[in-house]
Amino acid sequence: MERVLQFLSILVILAGSEDCKPIASPSFAADTSLYDQERMDRVFQFLNSQLGRAVRLAEAARIVNLSEGAFSRFFRLHTGKTFPEFVNELRIGHASSLLMEDNLNVTEVAFKCGFTNLSNFNRQFLKLKGLSPREFRLQLQQRLHQSRFVPLP
């Protein structure tokens, strides 16, 4: 609860800041049709349901009736990422949750998240999170241990 309150107080500070600068020109309007949004939603639903196994670009392309090349362009246009980058981010996000909640070892987490190679899992995790899965779990455990013994104001 304390973190939520801190987050909200940060939002209040940001909302009241006069140092805000727009990141897009005033005439910018995202050009996403309802049809494209529905297609992306189908892809996201497919990816979320299939994260525990190897997901091929061709499978995702078939879901929205595009060739692999057209799907790659479409996907990058709408996400700003390549398909493999996006899938890896989803998997690492899921792995982070499992490392926080479950008592699975790192190898089990990797395979449960769809990685077939432990060294690739460790490399991708390090690339996205800045530390290994084992270090991530240890850091979380240390923070949890410290927060239990900090007296509330």
Foldseek 3Di string as FASTA:
>chain_A
DVVVVVVVVVVVVVVPDPPDDDPDDPPDDDDDDPLLVVLVVQLVVVLVVPQLADDDLCVSCVSSVHHSVVSQVSVCVVPVDGPVVVSLVVLLVQLLVCLLPPPDDQVVSCNRRHHPDSVVNQVSNCVVVVHGSVVSSVVSVVVVVVVVPDDDD
